[in-house]
Amino acid sequence: MKPSGEEPVLLAELKPGRPHRYDWKSSCETWSVAFSPDGAWFAWSQGHCVVKLIPWPLEEAEACKTSERKGRGSKAEARSRAAAKEKTLECGQIVWGLAFSSWPAVQAGSVSPLPAGLSCLVLATGLNDGQIKVWEVQTGHLLFSLLGHQDVVRDLSFAPNGSFILVSASRDKTLRVWDLSRDGRQVQVLSGHVQWVYCCSISPDCSMLCSAAGEKSALLWSMRSYTLIRRLEGHQSSVVSCDFSPDSALLVTASYDACVIMWDPYTGEQLRTLRHVPLHSALDYSSEVHTSSLRSVCFSPEGLYLATVADDRTRDGHVQFWSAPRVLSSLKHLCRKALRTFLTTYQVLALPIPRKLKEFLTYRTF
């Protein structure tokens, strides 16, 4: 998975402001980071039960792009960035999961969980004691404390359609579905895993939910009936992360076996298997062999690339931001993405078009 061509450039680095405690709890907290859908905020679980909300881009990152912005940056953009200030959320418990949601503007006569006058950007935090706290980003106001899980809430996923639906994954081996438009009511408990649930991901078209636990298979659920569709089997070790492509046509899962499997979620077919290549740091002079267990995988916004995180280095709580070469999405890919946003694999296969075109549209060929 090593990219070819120009090497990425380190733009900036965040380090915990408080003295680092060398115990497993504080290091695990720093696994959670997230960007807001509008790209204006970065959330960082920096340890000690604290979440930092940091305006994005970082000042350090902006400095690297000053020459690029000089010719096209507007005064309004500059004022907007200056008005945003860093915020601290005191969660009261170790933070394991983070998820943003950008909700649509409230229509006349509709029901909204947000108090009048507040913006529609929220952040959900999954905590060590099983609580989920949902915050309004602009003010740092606590909107909800959701109770129901019996153990650590490891991951969170909002429905991308602005329906106020939130799914949570927990060490209590369940997934829970919450409706924030109904005062945070718990509407469903999904049981089927026999190990801790590490990750949950709702497809962009809101039809499917994938969950990964300490098992060799991932589970695929219907978001319409909240029933199990199928088990995705193919990994040789625990599946710990999953993500859908932006058009919902693909699903990727990452495992401790250092492999990423790309699936067609509609048919359950394995399309590709990618093996993570360990990173060998030039500063590492030890003769020990470092094993690489994948921890996370995600698609890039345009759906052309994957990002993976592995235990190639010791966990010290630092966050790094990298620039990478920008490649314009091909017209063919953009057309495929547009079509697959509203066509399932089965619907594509039923079209009266050539076989090669069907293979391209179903990602059998890239």
Protein backbone atom coordinates (compact mmCIF):
# COMPACT_ATOMS: atom_id res chain seq x y z
CA MET A 1 0.00 0.00 0.00
CA LYS A 2 3.01 2.26 -0.23
CA PRO A 3 2.19 5.14 -2.62
CA SER A 4 4.35 5.66 -5.65
CA GLY A 5 5.78 8.98 -6.79
CA GLU A 6 6.24 11.99 -4.55
CA GLU A 7 6.76 11.27 -0.85
CA PRO A 8 4.23 12.68 1.68
CA VAL A 9 5.33 15.74 3.65
CA LEU A 10 4.83 16.12 7.41
CA LEU A 11 2.76 19.30 7.85
CA ALA A 12 2.22 19.53 11.59
CA GLU A 13 2.21 17.60 14.83
CA LEU A 14 0.06 17.76 17.97
CA LYS A 15 1.44 16.67 21.33
CA PRO A 16 -0.48 16.21 24.60
CA GLY A 17 -0.29 19.39 26.69
CA ARG A 18 -0.22 17.57 30.01
CA PRO A 19 2.59 15.23 31.12
CA HIS A 20 2.17 11.85 29.46
CA ARG A 21 1.27 9.03 31.81
CA TYR A 22 2.89 5.77 30.84
CA ASP A 23 -0.05 3.48 31.36
CA TRP A 24 -2.25 1.72 28.87
CA LYS A 25 -5.31 3.88 29.53
CA SER A 26 -3.85 7.23 28.52
CA SER A 27 -2.20 5.81 25.40
CA CYS A 28 -5.43 4.13 24.27
CA GLU A 29 -7.32 7.40 24.54
CA THR A 30 -5.25 8.97 21.80
CA TRP A 31 -6.46 6.46 19.23
CA SER A 32 -9.52 8.61 18.49
CA VAL A 33 -9.37 11.47 15.99
CA ALA A 34 -11.96 12.84 13.56
CA PHE A 35 -12.54 15.63 11.03
CA SER A 36 -15.91 17.38 10.86
CA PRO A 37 -17.85 16.89 7.61
CA ASP A 38 -17.42 20.56 6.68
CA GLY A 39 -13.67 20.34 7.19
CA ALA A 40 -13.69 23.18 9.75
CA TRP A 41 -12.84 21.20 12.91
CA PHE A 42 -10.50 18.46 14.05
CA ALA A 43 -11.39 16.49 17.19
CA TRP A 44 -8.57 14.90 19.17
CA SER A 45 -9.00 12.67 22.20
CA GLN A 46 -5.74 13.77 23.76
CA GLY A 47 -5.96 11.77 26.99
CA HIS A 48 -6.98 12.50 30.57
CA CYS A 49 -10.73 12.41 29.68
CA VAL A 50 -10.32 15.52 27.52
CA VAL A 51 -11.31 16.11 23.89
CA LYS A 52 -9.83 19.06 22.06
CA LEU A 53 -11.83 20.71 19.26
CA ILE A 54 -9.27 22.44 17.05
CA PRO A 55 -10.10 24.76 14.12
CA TRP A 56 -8.85 23.28 10.86
CA PRO A 57 -6.56 23.90 9.03
CA LEU A 58 -3.93 24.16 11.77
CA GLU A 59 -1.84 27.32 11.83
CA GLU A 60 1.26 25.22 11.14
CA ALA A 61 -0.42 23.57 8.16
CA GLU A 62 -1.61 26.94 6.88
CA ALA A 63 1.95 28.29 7.03
CA CYS A 64 3.05 25.55 4.64
CA LYS A 65 0.41 26.65 2.14
CA THR A 66 0.73 30.44 2.42
CA SER A 67 2.06 30.90 -1.09
CA GLU A 68 -0.68 28.70 -2.50
CA ARG A 69 -3.46 30.70 -0.81
CA LYS A 70 -2.11 34.20 -1.47
CA GLY A 71 -3.69 34.46 -4.87
CA ARG A 72 -7.09 32.96 -4.03
CA GLY A 73 -7.82 33.30 -0.29
CA SER A 74 -10.68 35.70 0.44
CA LYS A 75 -10.92 38.11 3.37
CA ALA A 76 -14.15 36.40 4.45
CA GLU A 77 -12.36 33.04 4.70
CA ALA A 78 -9.61 34.63 6.78
CA ARG A 79 -12.12 36.23 9.16
CA SER A 80 -13.98 32.93 9.49
CA ARG A 81 -10.81 31.04 10.44
CA ALA A 82 -9.82 33.74 12.91
CA ALA A 83 -13.24 33.63 14.61
CA ALA A 84 -13.03 29.90 15.36
CA LYS A 85 -11.33 29.19 18.67
CA GLU A 86 -10.03 25.95 20.17
CA LYS A 87 -12.42 24.30 22.62
CA THR A 88 -11.99 21.76 25.40
CA LEU A 89 -14.63 19.16 26.25
CA GLU A 90 -14.32 17.69 29.75
CA CYS A 91 -15.93 14.28 29.29
CA GLY A 92 -15.39 12.93 32.81
CA GLN A 93 -14.39 9.50 31.49
CA ILE A 94 -11.74 8.04 29.21
CA VAL A 95 -12.78 8.76 25.60
CA TRP A 96 -12.65 5.86 23.13
CA GLY A 97 -14.79 6.91 20.17
CA LEU A 98 -15.53 10.15 18.29
CA ALA A 99 -18.02 10.94 15.50
CA PHE A 100 -19.15 14.20 13.92
CA SER A 101 -22.48 14.80 12.25
CA SER A 102 -23.50 17.76 10.13
CA TRP A 103 -27.26 18.03 10.32
CA PRO A 104 -29.39 19.89 7.78
CA ALA A 105 -31.11 23.14 8.62
CA VAL A 106 -34.34 22.62 10.55
CA GLN A 107 -37.47 23.00 8.41
CA ALA A 108 -40.59 24.76 9.67
CA GLY A 109 -42.74 22.41 11.72
CA SER A 110 -40.07 19.68 11.96
CA VAL A 111 -38.66 18.25 15.16
CA SER A 112 -35.03 18.91 16.05
CA PRO A 113 -33.01 17.79 19.10
CA LEU A 114 -31.03 21.04 18.92
CA PRO A 115 -32.01 24.02 21.07
CA ALA A 116 -33.05 27.11 19.12
CA GLY A 117 -30.16 29.21 17.87
CA LEU A 118 -27.55 26.45 17.89
CA SER A 119 -25.74 25.31 14.78
CA CYS A 120 -26.19 21.84 13.35
CA LEU A 121 -22.66 20.46 13.84
CA VAL A 122 -22.42 17.95 16.70
CA LEU A 123 -19.78 15.61 18.11
CA ALA A 124 -20.58 12.30 19.83
CA THR A 125 -18.06 10.87 22.31
CA GLY A 126 -18.03 7.23 23.40
CA LEU A 127 -16.82 6.82 26.97
CA ASN A 128 -15.17 4.23 29.18
CA ASP A 129 -18.24 3.73 31.42
CA GLY A 130 -20.63 3.00 28.53
CA GLN A 131 -22.04 6.52 28.27
CA ILE A 132 -22.32 8.45 25.03
CA LYS A 133 -22.15 12.22 25.33
CA VAL A 134 -23.29 14.34 22.39
CA TRP A 135 -21.98 17.91 22.16
CA GLU A 136 -22.84 20.98 20.09
CA VAL A 137 -19.54 21.99 18.51
CA GLN A 138 -19.74 25.77 18.24
CA THR A 139 -20.59 26.32 21.91
CA GLY A 140 -19.33 23.12 23.57
CA HIS A 141 -22.85 22.65 24.98
CA LEU A 142 -23.76 19.10 26.13
CA LEU A 143 -26.91 17.99 24.30
CA PHE A 144 -27.37 14.38 25.40
CA SER A 145 -26.03 11.72 27.76
CA LEU A 146 -27.12 8.39 26.27
CA LEU A 147 -27.28 5.46 28.70
CA GLY A 148 -27.65 1.77 27.84
CA HIS A 149 -24.27 0.19 27.13
CA GLN A 150 -22.73 -1.86 29.93
CA ASP A 151 -19.08 -1.40 28.91
CA VAL A 152 -16.70 0.81 26.89
CA VAL A 153 -18.25 2.51 23.82
CA ARG A 154 -15.52 1.86 21.28
CA ASP A 155 -16.95 3.42 18.12
CA LEU A 156 -19.77 5.63 16.84
CA SER A 157 -21.34 6.25 13.42
CA PHE A 158 -23.97 8.81 12.41
CA ALA A 159 -26.35 8.15 9.52
CA PRO A 160 -25.06 10.44 6.75
CA ASN A 161 -28.56 11.50 5.65
CA GLY A 162 -29.18 13.87 8.56
CA SER A 163 -31.84 11.63 10.10
CA PHE A 164 -30.46 12.06 13.66
CA ILE A 165 -29.72 8.30 13.83
CA LEU A 166 -26.56 7.29 15.73
CA VAL A 167 -25.11 3.76 15.97
CA SER A 168 -22.72 2.81 18.77
CA ALA A 169 -20.40 -0.20 19.15
CA SER A 170 -19.36 -1.46 22.58
CA ARG A 171 -17.29 -3.92 24.52
CA ASP A 172 -20.60 -5.27 25.85
CA LYS A 173 -20.73 -7.11 22.47
CA THR A 174 -23.74 -5.15 21.19
CA LEU A 175 -24.49 -2.34 18.77
CA ARG A 176 -27.19 0.13 19.73
CA VAL A 177 -29.23 2.45 17.53
CA TRP A 178 -30.24 5.84 18.94
CA ASP A 179 -32.67 8.42 17.54
CA LEU A 180 -31.61 11.88 18.63
CA SER A 181 -34.78 13.41 17.15
CA ARG A 182 -36.69 11.50 19.85
CA ASP A 183 -34.71 12.79 22.83
CA GLY A 184 -31.95 10.23 22.28
CA ARG A 185 -34.26 7.23 22.56
CA GLN A 186 -32.66 3.81 22.08
CA VAL A 187 -34.58 2.23 19.18
CA GLN A 188 -32.71 -1.05 18.64
CA VAL A 189 -30.09 -3.37 20.17
CA LEU A 190 -28.16 -5.49 17.65
CA SER A 191 -26.78 -8.74 19.06
CA GLY A 192 -24.72 -11.29 17.16
CA HIS A 193 -21.10 -10.70 18.08
CA VAL A 194 -19.44 -12.91 20.68
CA GLN A 195 -16.47 -10.59 21.26
CA TRP A 196 -15.97 -6.87 21.93
CA VAL A 197 -17.26 -4.72 19.06
CA TYR A 198 -14.47 -2.43 17.84
CA CYS A 199 -15.96 -0.61 14.87
CA CYS A 200 -19.21 0.28 13.14
CA SER A 201 -19.80 2.02 9.81
CA ILE A 202 -23.05 3.09 8.14
CA SER A 203 -23.04 3.11 4.34
CA PRO A 204 -23.41 6.56 2.74
CA ASP A 205 -26.78 5.55 1.25
CA CYS A 206 -27.89 4.55 4.78
CA SER A 207 -29.02 1.09 3.67
CA MET A 208 -26.34 -1.00 5.44
CA LEU A 209 -24.29 -1.15 8.63
CA CYS A 210 -21.03 -3.06 9.02
CA SER A 211 -19.59 -4.02 12.39
CA ALA A 212 -16.23 -5.51 13.35
CA ALA A 213 -15.37 -7.28 16.61
CA GLY A 214 -12.57 -9.51 17.90
CA GLU A 215 -13.68 -12.20 15.45
CA LYS A 216 -12.48 -13.39 12.05
CA SER A 217 -15.72 -12.28 10.37
CA ALA A 218 -17.43 -8.90 10.04
CA LEU A 219 -21.22 -8.59 10.22
CA LEU A 220 -23.36 -6.75 7.68
CA TRP A 221 -26.75 -5.45 8.87
CA SER A 222 -29.77 -3.86 7.20
CA MET A 223 -30.38 -0.30 8.39
CA ARG A 224 -33.99 -0.61 7.28
CA SER A 225 -35.00 -3.72 9.24
CA TYR A 226 -32.05 -3.88 11.69
CA THR A 227 -31.55 -7.55 10.81
CA LEU A 228 -28.35 -9.44 9.92
CA ILE A 229 -27.75 -9.66 6.17
CA ARG A 230 -24.61 -11.83 6.15
CA ARG A 231 -21.28 -12.66 7.75
CA LEU A 232 -18.20 -11.62 5.79
CA GLU A 233 -15.62 -14.37 6.25
CA GLY A 234 -12.10 -14.34 4.85
CA HIS A 235 -9.69 -12.88 7.42
CA GLN A 236 -7.29 -15.07 9.39
CA SER A 237 -7.43 -12.99 12.59
CA SER A 238 -9.63 -10.46 14.39
CA VAL A 239 -11.36 -7.88 12.18
CA VAL A 240 -11.02 -4.50 13.89
CA SER A 241 -12.03 -1.82 11.36
CA CYS A 242 -14.40 -1.30 8.42
CA ASP A 243 -15.47 1.47 6.06
CA PHE A 244 -17.75 1.95 3.03
CA SER A 245 -16.73 3.74 -0.15
CA PRO A 246 -18.43 7.10 -0.78
CA ASP A 247 -20.82 5.53 -3.32
CA SER A 248 -21.67 2.56 -1.00
CA ALA A 249 -20.54 0.12 -3.71
CA LEU A 250 -17.50 -1.16 -1.79
CA LEU A 251 -16.71 -2.18 1.76
CA VAL A 252 -13.23 -2.62 3.23
CA THR A 253 -12.28 -4.48 6.40
CA ALA A 254 -8.93 -4.46 8.22
CA SER A 255 -7.63 -7.18 10.50
CA TYR A 256 -4.83 -8.05 12.89
CA ASP A 257 -3.68 -10.41 10.11
CA ALA A 258 -2.27 -7.22 8.44
CA CYS A 259 -4.65 -7.62 5.48
CA VAL A 260 -7.36 -5.38 4.06
CA ILE A 261 -10.15 -7.12 2.17
CA MET A 262 -12.31 -5.20 -0.29
CA TRP A 263 -15.85 -6.58 -0.60
CA ASP A 264 -18.94 -6.10 -2.69
CA PRO A 265 -21.41 -5.61 0.19
CA TYR A 266 -24.39 -6.54 -1.97
CA THR A 267 -23.09 -9.99 -2.95
CA GLY A 268 -20.54 -10.65 -0.19
CA GLU A 269 -17.87 -11.31 -2.85
CA GLN A 270 -14.20 -10.63 -2.07
CA LEU A 271 -12.88 -8.30 -4.77
CA ARG A 272 -9.29 -7.69 -3.57
CA THR A 273 -6.89 -8.39 -0.72
CA LEU A 274 -4.16 -5.89 0.20
CA ARG A 275 -1.34 -6.66 2.62
CA HIS A 276 0.07 -3.87 4.78
CA VAL A 277 3.79 -3.24 4.29
CA PRO A 278 5.52 -2.50 7.65
CA LEU A 279 7.11 0.89 8.11
CA HIS A 280 10.80 0.67 9.01
CA SER A 281 11.85 3.84 10.80
CA ALA A 282 15.35 5.13 10.10
CA LEU A 283 15.59 5.98 13.80
CA ASP A 284 15.02 2.41 14.89
CA TYR A 285 18.40 0.79 15.49
CA SER A 286 17.11 -2.25 17.34
CA SER A 287 17.32 -5.68 15.78
CA GLU A 288 13.83 -6.66 16.91
CA VAL A 289 11.26 -7.65 14.30
CA HIS A 290 8.18 -5.45 14.62
CA THR A 291 4.86 -7.05 13.84
CA SER A 292 2.27 -4.90 12.06
CA SER A 293 -1.31 -5.31 13.25
CA LEU A 294 -3.75 -3.14 11.34
CA ARG A 295 -5.86 -0.92 13.58
CA SER A 296 -7.92 1.17 11.17
CA VAL A 297 -8.83 1.58 7.51
CA CYS A 298 -10.80 4.25 5.65
CA PHE A 299 -11.59 5.48 2.14
CA SER A 300 -10.56 8.92 0.89
CA PRO A 301 -13.52 11.26 0.15
CA GLU A 302 -13.40 10.71 -3.62
CA GLY A 303 -13.17 6.94 -3.21
CA LEU A 304 -9.89 6.38 -5.07
CA TYR A 305 -7.58 5.70 -2.13
CA LEU A 306 -7.39 3.84 1.17
CA ALA A 307 -5.63 4.87 4.36
CA THR A 308 -4.48 2.36 6.98
CA VAL A 309 -3.10 2.67 10.49
CA ALA A 310 -0.91 -0.06 11.97
CA ASP A 311 1.18 -0.71 15.08
CA ASP A 312 4.38 0.04 13.20
CA ARG A 313 5.54 2.40 15.93
CA THR A 314 5.02 2.69 19.67
CA ARG A 315 1.90 4.58 20.70
CA ASP A 316 2.93 7.86 22.29
CA GLY A 317 -0.19 9.95 21.83
CA HIS A 318 1.15 12.20 19.06
CA VAL A 319 -0.95 13.04 16.04
CA GLN A 320 0.71 13.67 12.67
CA PHE A 321 -0.74 15.34 9.59
CA TRP A 322 0.71 14.57 6.16
CA SER A 323 0.23 16.08 2.75
CA ALA A 324 0.12 13.69 -0.16
CA PRO A 325 0.22 14.10 -3.96
CA ARG A 326 -3.12 15.21 -5.33
CA VAL A 327 -4.49 13.26 -8.27
CA LEU A 328 -7.55 14.45 -10.16
CA SER A 329 -10.23 11.78 -10.24
CA SER A 330 -10.67 10.43 -13.74
CA LEU A 331 -13.90 11.17 -15.56
CA LYS A 332 -14.60 7.43 -15.78
CA HIS A 333 -14.34 7.05 -12.00
CA LEU A 334 -16.54 10.08 -11.36
CA CYS A 335 -19.20 8.67 -13.70
CA ARG A 336 -19.02 5.26 -12.01
CA LYS A 337 -19.29 6.85 -8.58
CA ALA A 338 -22.32 8.89 -9.66
CA LEU A 339 -24.09 5.80 -11.04
CA ARG A 340 -23.26 3.53 -8.10
CA THR A 341 -24.60 6.09 -5.64
CA PHE A 342 -28.13 5.02 -6.62
CA LEU A 343 -27.65 1.60 -8.31
CA THR A 344 -26.98 -1.66 -6.44
CA THR A 345 -24.72 -4.36 -7.86
CA TYR A 346 -27.77 -6.39 -8.89
CA GLN A 347 -29.30 -3.42 -10.69
CA VAL A 348 -26.07 -2.82 -12.61
CA LEU A 349 -25.87 -6.47 -13.65
CA ALA A 350 -29.44 -6.25 -15.00
CA LEU A 351 -28.64 -3.31 -17.29
CA PRO A 352 -28.54 -4.02 -21.08
CA ILE A 353 -24.90 -2.92 -21.41
CA PRO A 354 -21.66 -4.71 -22.44
CA ARG A 355 -20.07 -7.14 -19.97
CA LYS A 356 -16.86 -5.12 -19.69
CA LEU A 357 -18.84 -2.04 -18.68
CA LYS A 358 -20.70 -4.06 -16.06
CA GLU A 359 -17.37 -5.26 -14.66
CA PHE A 360 -16.12 -1.70 -14.42
CA LEU A 361 -19.28 -0.41 -12.78
CA THR A 362 -19.22 -3.22 -10.20
CA TYR A 363 -15.49 -2.61 -9.45
CA ARG A 364 -14.45 -6.01 -10.82
CA THR A 365 -12.01 -3.98 -12.89
CA PHE A 366 -10.49 -0.67 -11.84
